Amino acid sequence: MTADQIRAYANKAFVEPARRQGLTNVSIVAGHVHADLKLENRMPAVCSAIDARKFQEQYRVVLSSRSGPKQSSSVTWRFSIQR
């Protein structure tokens, strides 16, 4: 699974539903993405993909906060959704 595929999934599963609901913020948890994609030992790839500036630029979101260690299932990103 490539970083682009991980980012596309995070957008489809989290960002776009929030945008359709008219929400202004969305949270994404690394462990949820990892589990949903049925990945094994790929937490660094998930974290790197969503940490990348490309995610924000491509899917029109702005990082509001990031909590948790560098690469862990507990990493949580909070993004502001741009219209």
PDB file of N, CA and C in Angstrom:
ATOM      1  N   MET A   1       0.855  -1.182   0.000  1.00  0.00           N
ATOM      2  CA  MET A   1       0.000   0.000   0.000  1.00  0.00           C
ATOM      3  C   MET A   1       0.894   1.236   0.000  1.00  0.00           C
ATOM      4  N   THR A   2       0.629   2.130  -0.934  1.00  0.00           N
ATOM      5  CA  THR A   2       1.451   3.333  -1.055  1.00  0.00           C
ATOM      6  C   THR A   2       0.928   4.456  -0.164  1.00  0.00           C
ATOM      7  N   ALA A   3       1.764   5.458   0.034  1.00  0.00           N
ATOM      8  CA  ALA A   3       1.359   6.622   0.823  1.00  0.00           C
ATOM      9  C   ALA A   3       0.156   7.311   0.178  1.00  0.00           C
ATOM     10  N   ASP A   4       0.151   7.382  -1.149  1.00  0.00           N
ATOM     11  CA  ASP A   4      -0.980   8.007  -1.842  1.00  0.00           C
ATOM     12  C   ASP A   4      -2.274   7.240  -1.584  1.00  0.00           C
ATOM     13  N   GLN A   5      -2.201   5.922  -1.546  1.00  0.00           N
ATOM     14  CA  GLN A   5      -3.389   5.108  -1.278  1.00  0.00           C
ATOM     15  C   GLN A   5      -3.879   5.307   0.152  1.00  0.00           C
ATOM     16  N   ILE A   6      -2.944   5.419   1.085  1.00  0.00           N
ATOM     17  CA  ILE A   6      -3.311   5.661   2.488  1.00  0.00           C
ATOM     18  C   ILE A   6      -3.989   7.017   2.615  1.00  0.00           C
ATOM     19  N   ARG A   7      -3.409   8.032   1.985  1.00  0.00           N
ATOM     20  CA  ARG A   7      -4.007   9.374   2.028  1.00  0.00           C
ATOM     21  C   ARG A   7      -5.386   9.386   1.384  1.00  0.00           C
ATOM     22  N   ALA A   8      -5.522   8.717   0.260  1.00  0.00           N
ATOM     23  CA  ALA A   8      -6.815   8.675  -0.432  1.00  0.00           C
ATOM     24  C   ALA A   8      -7.869   8.009   0.446  1.00  0.00           C
ATOM     25  N   TYR A   9      -7.480   6.946   1.143  1.00  0.00           N
ATOM     26  CA  TYR A   9      -8.426   6.283   2.034  1.00  0.00           C
ATOM     27  C   TYR A   9      -8.837   7.219   3.177  1.00  0.00           C
ATOM     28  N   ALA A  10      -7.860   7.885   3.798  1.00  0.00           N
ATOM     29  CA  ALA A  10      -8.163   8.785   4.910  1.00  0.00           C
ATOM     30  C   ALA A  10      -9.114   9.890   4.463  1.00  0.00           C
ATOM     31  N   ASN A  11      -8.919  10.382   3.252  1.00  0.00           N
ATOM     32  CA  ASN A  11      -9.822  11.397   2.716  1.00  0.00           C
ATOM     33  C   ASN A  11     -11.222  10.823   2.519  1.00  0.00           C
ATOM     34  N   LYS A  12     -11.304   9.684   1.859  1.00  0.00           N
ATOM     35  CA  LYS A  12     -12.597   9.072   1.539  1.00  0.00           C
ATOM     36  C   LYS A  12     -13.368   8.668   2.796  1.00  0.00           C
ATOM     37  N   ALA A  13     -12.661   8.139   3.772  1.00  0.00           N
ATOM     38  CA  ALA A  13     -13.324   7.604   4.969  1.00  0.00           C
ATOM     39  C   ALA A  13     -13.605   8.651   6.042  1.00  0.00           C
ATOM     40  N   PHE A  14     -12.801   9.701   6.101  1.00  0.00           N
ATOM     41  CA  PHE A  14     -12.927  10.658   7.202  1.00  0.00           C
ATOM     42  C   PHE A  14     -13.217  12.087   6.745  1.00  0.00           C
ATOM     43  N   VAL A  15     -12.400  12.603   5.834  1.00  0.00           N
ATOM     44  CA  VAL A  15     -12.526  14.009   5.441  1.00  0.00           C
ATOM     45  C   VAL A  15     -13.801  14.257   4.638  1.00  0.00           C
ATOM     46  N   GLU A  16     -14.013  13.487   3.591  1.00  0.00           N
ATOM     47  CA  GLU A  16     -15.170  13.735   2.729  1.00  0.00           C
ATOM     48  C   GLU A  16     -16.505  13.555   3.459  1.00  0.00           C
ATOM     49  N   PRO A  17     -16.684  12.522   4.280  1.00  0.00           N
ATOM     50  CA  PRO A  17     -17.950  12.439   5.025  1.00  0.00           C
ATOM     51  C   PRO A  17     -18.171  13.653   5.934  1.00  0.00           C
ATOM     52  N   ALA A  18     -17.101  14.120   6.583  1.00  0.00           N
ATOM     53  CA  ALA A  18     -17.223  15.299   7.446  1.00  0.00           C
ATOM     54  C   ALA A  18     -17.575  16.530   6.619  1.00  0.00           C
ATOM     55  N   ARG A  19     -16.935  16.652   5.461  1.00  0.00           N
ATOM     56  CA  ARG A  19     -17.217  17.792   4.579  1.00  0.00           C
ATOM     57  C   ARG A  19     -18.672  17.759   4.114  1.00  0.00           C
ATOM     58  N   ARG A  20     -19.160  16.594   3.727  1.00  0.00           N
ATOM     59  CA  ARG A  20     -20.560  16.466   3.280  1.00  0.00           C
ATOM     60  C   ARG A  20     -21.548  16.817   4.389  1.00  0.00           C
ATOM     61  N   GLN A  21     -21.160  16.541   5.637  1.00  0.00           N
ATOM     62  CA  GLN A  21     -22.023  16.846   6.782  1.00  0.00           C
ATOM     63  C   GLN A  21     -21.933  18.316   7.186  1.00  0.00           C
ATOM     64  N   GLY A  22     -21.072  19.062   6.536  1.00  0.00           N
ATOM     65  CA  GLY A  22     -20.935  20.473   6.845  1.00  0.00           C
ATOM     66  C   GLY A  22     -20.077  20.754   8.067  1.00  0.00           C
ATOM     67  N   LEU A  23     -19.311  19.750   8.500  1.00  0.00           N
ATOM     68  CA  LEU A  23     -18.443  19.944   9.665  1.00  0.00           C
ATOM     69  C   LEU A  23     -17.243  20.798   9.276  1.00  0.00           C
ATOM     70  N   THR A  24     -16.687  21.483  10.263  1.00  0.00           N
ATOM     71  CA  THR A  24     -15.530  22.316   9.995  1.00  0.00           C
ATOM     72  C   THR A  24     -14.234  21.673  10.453  1.00  0.00           C
ATOM     73  N   ASN A  25     -14.333  20.579  11.206  1.00  0.00           N
ATOM     74  CA  ASN A  25     -13.150  19.869  11.702  1.00  0.00           C
ATOM     75  C   ASN A  25     -13.359  18.373  11.574  1.00  0.00           C
ATOM     76  N   VAL A  26     -12.258  17.656  11.479  1.00  0.00           N
ATOM     77  CA  VAL A  26     -12.306  16.195  11.443  1.00  0.00           C
ATOM     78  C   VAL A  26     -11.078  15.661  12.167  1.00  0.00           C
ATOM     79  N   SER A  27     -11.265  14.564  12.887  1.00  0.00           N
ATOM     80  CA  SER A  27     -10.153  13.893  13.554  1.00  0.00           C
ATOM     81  C   SER A  27      -9.909  12.551  12.890  1.00  0.00           C
ATOM     82  N   ILE A  28      -8.637  12.217  12.764  1.00  0.00           N
ATOM     83  CA  ILE A  28      -8.238  10.936  12.186  1.00  0.00           C
ATOM     84  C   ILE A  28      -7.278  10.272  13.163  1.00  0.00           C
ATOM     85  N   VAL A  29      -7.529   9.003  13.482  1.00  0.00           N
ATOM     86  CA  VAL A  29      -6.681   8.234  14.392  1.00  0.00           C
ATOM     87  C   VAL A  29      -5.905   7.210  13.570  1.00  0.00           C
ATOM     88  N   ALA A  30      -4.601   7.188  13.726  1.00  0.00           N
ATOM     89  CA  ALA A  30      -3.750   6.296  12.941  1.00  0.00           C
ATOM     90  C   ALA A  30      -4.173   4.837  13.066  1.00  0.00           C
ATOM     91  N   GLY A  31      -4.502   4.406  14.257  1.00  0.00           N
ATOM     92  CA  GLY A  31      -4.890   3.017  14.473  1.00  0.00           C
ATOM     93  C   GLY A  31      -6.136   2.636  13.709  1.00  0.00           C
ATOM     94  N   HIS A  32      -7.057   3.579  13.542  1.00  0.00           N
ATOM     95  CA  HIS A  32      -8.282   3.303  12.793  1.00  0.00           C
ATOM     96  C   HIS A  32      -7.965   3.108  11.308  1.00  0.00           C
ATOM     97  N   VAL A  33      -7.119   3.971  10.767  1.00  0.00           N
ATOM     98  CA  VAL A  33      -6.731   3.855   9.359  1.00  0.00           C
ATOM     99  C   VAL A  33      -6.013   2.518   9.140  1.00  0.00           C
ATOM    100  N   HIS A  34      -5.073   2.207  10.014  1.00  0.00           N
ATOM    101  CA  HIS A  34      -4.288   0.971   9.914  1.00  0.00           C
ATOM    102  C   HIS A  34      -5.205  -0.246   9.947  1.00  0.00           C
ATOM    103  N   ALA A  35      -6.142  -0.273  10.874  1.00  0.00           N
ATOM    104  CA  ALA A  35      -7.060  -1.408  11.002  1.00  0.00           C
ATOM    105  C   ALA A  35      -8.019  -1.488   9.818  1.00  0.00           C
ATOM    106  N   ASP A  36      -8.583  -0.355   9.426  1.00  0.00           N
ATOM    107  CA  ASP A  36      -9.537  -0.336   8.313  1.00  0.00           C
ATOM    108  C   ASP A  36      -8.912  -0.874   7.030  1.00  0.00           C
ATOM    109  N   LEU A  37      -7.644  -0.550   6.818  1.00  0.00           N
ATOM    110  CA  LEU A  37      -6.951  -0.995   5.612  1.00  0.00           C
ATOM    111  C   LEU A  37      -6.353  -2.398   5.762  1.00  0.00           C
ATOM    112  N   LYS A  38      -6.565  -2.987   6.948  1.00  0.00           N
ATOM    113  CA  LYS A  38      -6.058  -4.335   7.239  1.00  0.00           C
ATOM    114  C   LYS A  38      -4.550  -4.449   7.000  1.00  0.00           C
ATOM    115  N   LEU A  39      -3.836  -3.428   7.473  1.00  0.00           N
ATOM    116  CA  LEU A  39      -2.388  -3.405   7.325  1.00  0.00           C
ATOM    117  C   LEU A  39      -1.727  -4.148   8.482  1.00  0.00           C
ATOM    118  N   GLU A  40      -0.528  -4.614   8.254  1.00  0.00           N
ATOM    119  CA  GLU A  40       0.258  -5.260   9.308  1.00  0.00           C
ATOM    120  C   GLU A  40       1.613  -4.574   9.388  1.00  0.00           C
ATOM    121  N   ASN A  41       1.952  -4.117  10.584  1.00  0.00           N
ATOM    122  CA  ASN A  41       3.250  -3.486  10.828  1.00  0.00           C
ATOM    123  C   ASN A  41       3.546  -2.333   9.870  1.00  0.00           C
ATOM    124  N   ARG A  42       2.517  -1.534   9.572  1.00  0.00           N
ATOM    125  CA  ARG A  42       2.687  -0.422   8.642  1.00  0.00           C
ATOM    126  C   ARG A  42       2.336   0.921   9.285  1.00  0.00           C
ATOM    127  N   MET A  43       2.363   0.965  10.612  1.00  0.00           N
ATOM    128  CA  MET A  43       2.024   2.207  11.311  1.00  0.00           C
ATOM    129  C   MET A  43       2.934   3.361  10.881  1.00  0.00           C
ATOM    130  N   PRO A  44       4.242   3.136  10.702  1.00  0.00           N
ATOM    131  CA  PRO A  44       5.072   4.256  10.224  1.00  0.00           C
ATOM    132  C   PRO A  44       4.601   4.797   8.875  1.00  0.00           C
ATOM    133  N   ALA A  45       4.150   3.926   7.996  1.00  0.00           N
ATOM    134  CA  ALA A  45       3.668   4.375   6.682  1.00  0.00           C
ATOM    135  C   ALA A  45       2.398   5.199   6.825  1.00  0.00           C
ATOM    136  N   VAL A  46       1.498   4.766   7.703  1.00  0.00           N
ATOM    137  CA  VAL A  46       0.253   5.506   7.934  1.00  0.00           C
ATOM    138  C   VAL A  46       0.576   6.893   8.487  1.00  0.00           C
ATOM    139  N   CYS A  47       1.412   6.935   9.501  1.00  0.00           N
ATOM    140  CA  CYS A  47       1.741   8.223  10.130  1.00  0.00           C
ATOM    141  C   CYS A  47       2.461   9.151   9.150  1.00  0.00           C
ATOM    142  N   SER A  48       3.399   8.615   8.406  1.00  0.00           N
ATOM    143  CA  SER A  48       4.130   9.442   7.444  1.00  0.00           C
ATOM    144  C   SER A  48       3.208   9.976   6.358  1.00  0.00           C
ATOM    145  N   ALA A  49       2.292   9.139   5.889  1.00  0.00           N
ATOM    146  CA  ALA A  49       1.385   9.555   4.813  1.00  0.00           C
ATOM    147  C   ALA A  49       0.484  10.699   5.252  1.00  0.00           C
ATOM    148  N   ILE A  50      -0.049  10.591   6.460  1.00  0.00           N
ATOM    149  CA  ILE A  50      -0.974  11.632   6.920  1.00  0.00           C
ATOM    150  C   ILE A  50      -0.222  12.855   7.442  1.00  0.00           C
ATOM    151  N   ASP A  51       0.981  12.646   7.957  1.00  0.00           N
ATOM    152  CA  ASP A  51       1.811  13.781   8.379  1.00  0.00           C
ATOM    153  C   ASP A  51       2.259  14.638   7.199  1.00  0.00           C
ATOM    154  N   ALA A  52       2.330  14.055   6.035  1.00  0.00           N
ATOM    155  CA  ALA A  52       2.864  14.751   4.861  1.00  0.00           C
ATOM    156  C   ALA A  52       2.029  15.986   4.515  1.00  0.00           C
ATOM    157  N   ARG A  53       2.714  17.037   4.175  1.00  0.00           N
ATOM    158  CA  ARG A  53       2.055  18.283   3.749  1.00  0.00           C
ATOM    159  C   ARG A  53       1.129  18.021   2.556  1.00  0.00           C
ATOM    160  N   LYS A  54       1.499  17.037   1.761  1.00  0.00           N
ATOM    161  CA  LYS A  54       0.712  16.676   0.576  1.00  0.00           C
ATOM    162  C   LYS A  54      -0.733  16.333   0.940  1.00  0.00           C
ATOM    163  N   PHE A  55      -0.940  15.708   2.095  1.00  0.00           N
ATOM    164  CA  PHE A  55      -2.299  15.359   2.515  1.00  0.00           C
ATOM    165  C   PHE A  55      -3.137  16.620   2.662  1.00  0.00           C
ATOM    166  N   GLN A  56      -2.572  17.626   3.327  1.00  0.00           N
ATOM    167  CA  GLN A  56      -3.304  18.872   3.548  1.00  0.00           C
ATOM    168  C   GLN A  56      -3.579  19.595   2.228  1.00  0.00           C
ATOM    169  N   GLU A  57      -2.589  19.638   1.366  1.00  0.00           N
ATOM    170  CA  GLU A  57      -2.747  20.344   0.100  1.00  0.00           C
ATOM    171  C   GLU A  57      -3.735  19.637  -0.823  1.00  0.00           C
ATOM    172  N   GLN A  58      -3.606  18.332  -0.912  1.00  0.00           N
ATOM    173  CA  GLN A  58      -4.433  17.564  -1.848  1.00  0.00           C
ATOM    174  C   GLN A  58      -5.901  17.530  -1.447  1.00  0.00           C
ATOM    175  N   TYR A  59      -6.157  17.449  -0.137  1.00  0.00           N
ATOM    176  CA  TYR A  59      -7.537  17.267   0.323  1.00  0.00           C
ATOM    177  C   TYR A  59      -8.110  18.490   1.026  1.00  0.00           C
ATOM    178  N   ARG A  60      -7.433  19.639   0.884  1.00  0.00           N
ATOM    179  CA  ARG A  60      -7.933  20.927   1.378  1.00  0.00           C
ATOM    180  C   ARG A  60      -8.295  20.888   2.865  1.00  0.00           C
ATOM    181  N   VAL A  61      -7.323  20.490   3.662  1.00  0.00           N
ATOM    182  CA  VAL A  61      -7.466  20.519   5.111  1.00  0.00           C
ATOM    183  C   VAL A  61      -6.226  21.198   5.685  1.00  0.00           C
ATOM    184  N   VAL A  62      -6.363  21.724   6.907  1.00  0.00           N
ATOM    185  CA  VAL A  62      -5.250  22.373   7.591  1.00  0.00           C
ATOM    186  C   VAL A  62      -5.097  21.720   8.955  1.00  0.00           C
ATOM    187  N   LEU A  63      -3.891  21.294   9.270  1.00  0.00           N
ATOM    188  CA  LEU A  63      -3.636  20.639  10.555  1.00  0.00           C
ATOM    189  C   LEU A  63      -3.852  21.619  11.699  1.00  0.00           C
ATOM    190  N   SER A  64      -4.757  21.272  12.600  1.00  0.00           N
ATOM    191  CA  SER A  64      -5.021  22.088  13.792  1.00  0.00           C
ATOM    192  C   SER A  64      -4.195  21.595  14.966  1.00  0.00           C
ATOM    193  N   SER A  65      -4.109  20.256  15.103  1.00  0.00           N
ATOM    194  CA  SER A  65      -3.316  19.678  16.183  1.00  0.00           C
ATOM    195  C   SER A  65      -2.963  18.241  15.849  1.00  0.00           C
ATOM    196  N   ARG A  66      -1.912  17.781  16.486  1.00  0.00           N
ATOM    197  CA  ARG A  66      -1.474  16.396  16.351  1.00  0.00           C
ATOM    198  C   ARG A  66      -1.056  15.946  17.731  1.00  0.00           C
ATOM    199  N   SER A  67      -1.592  14.817  18.176  1.00  0.00           N
ATOM    200  CA  SER A  67      -1.215  14.314  19.494  1.00  0.00           C
ATOM    201  C   SER A  67      -0.710  12.887  19.375  1.00  0.00           C
ATOM    202  N   GLY A  68       0.104  12.514  20.332  1.00  0.00           N
ATOM    203  CA  GLY A  68       0.660  11.177  20.342  1.00  0.00           C
ATOM    204  C   GLY A  68       2.113  11.175  19.909  1.00  0.00           C
ATOM    205  N   PRO A  69       2.750  10.012  20.019  1.00  0.00           N
ATOM    206  CA  PRO A  69       4.150   9.899  19.625  1.00  0.00           C
ATOM    207  C   PRO A  69       4.330  10.022  18.117  1.00  0.00           C
ATOM    208  N   LYS A  70       5.563   9.947  17.667  1.00  0.00           N
ATOM    209  CA  LYS A  70       5.842  10.119  16.245  1.00  0.00           C
ATOM    210  C   LYS A  70       5.113   9.091  15.387  1.00  0.00           C
ATOM    211  N   GLN A  71       5.170   7.831  15.769  1.00  0.00           N
ATOM    212  CA  GLN A  71       4.547   6.764  14.979  1.00  0.00           C
ATOM    213  C   GLN A  71       3.902   5.759  15.911  1.00  0.00           C
ATOM    214  N   SER A  72       2.595   5.847  16.051  1.00  0.00           N
ATOM    215  CA  SER A  72       1.867   4.986  16.973  1.00  0.00           C
ATOM    216  C   SER A  72       0.405   4.915  16.561  1.00  0.00           C
ATOM    217  N   SER A  73      -0.248   3.852  16.982  1.00  0.00           N
ATOM    218  CA  SER A  73      -1.678   3.717  16.688  1.00  0.00           C
ATOM    219  C   SER A  73      -2.501   4.791  17.383  1.00  0.00           C
ATOM    220  N   SER A  74      -1.929   5.420  18.401  1.00  0.00           N
ATOM    221  CA  SER A  74      -2.673   6.432  19.147  1.00  0.00           C
ATOM    222  C   SER A  74      -2.524   7.846  18.575  1.00  0.00           C
ATOM    223  N   VAL A  75      -1.725   7.999  17.531  1.00  0.00           N
ATOM    224  CA  VAL A  75      -1.577   9.333  16.930  1.00  0.00           C
ATOM    225  C   VAL A  75      -2.941   9.807  16.438  1.00  0.00           C
ATOM    226  N   THR A  76      -3.286  11.022  16.818  1.00  0.00           N
ATOM    227  CA  THR A  76      -4.556  11.613  16.399  1.00  0.00           C
ATOM    228  C   THR A  76      -4.277  12.980  15.773  1.00  0.00           C
ATOM    229  N   TRP A  77      -4.774  13.149  14.573  1.00  0.00           N
ATOM    230  CA  TRP A  77      -4.684  14.428  13.879  1.00  0.00           C
ATOM    231  C   TRP A  77      -6.040  15.092  13.901  1.00  0.00           C
ATOM    232  N   ARG A  78      -6.053  16.386  14.082  1.00  0.00           N
ATOM    233  CA  ARG A  78      -7.285  17.163  13.967  1.00  0.00           C
ATOM    234  C   ARG A  78      -7.051  18.178  12.867  1.00  0.00           C
ATOM    235  N   PHE A  79      -7.924  18.149  11.884  1.00  0.00           N
ATOM    236  CA  PHE A  79      -7.792  19.035  10.721  1.00  0.00           C
ATOM    237  C   PHE A  79      -8.999  19.956  10.627  1.00  0.00           C
ATOM    238  N   SER A  80      -8.743  21.196  10.209  1.00  0.00           N
ATOM    239  CA  SER A  80      -9.817  22.116   9.827  1.00  0.00           C
ATOM    240  C   SER A  80     -10.098  21.848   8.364  1.00  0.00           C
ATOM    241  N   ILE A  81     -11.363  21.756   8.038  1.00  0.00           N
ATOM    242  CA  ILE A  81     -11.783  21.468   6.669  1.00  0.00           C
ATOM    243  C   ILE A  81     -12.001  22.780   5.929  1.00  0.00           C
ATOM    244  N   GLN A  82     -11.325  22.915   4.809  1.00  0.00           N
ATOM    245  CA  GLN A  82     -11.465  24.111   3.988  1.00  0.00           C
ATOM    246  C   GLN A  82     -12.573  23.881   2.966  1.00  0.00           C
ATOM    247  N   ARG A  83     -13.332  24.882   2.680  1.00  0.00           N
ATOM    248  CA  ARG A  83     -14.437  24.743   1.728  1.00  0.00           C
ATOM    249  C   ARG A  83     -13.965  24.969   0.323  1.00  0.00           C
TER     250      ARG A  83
END
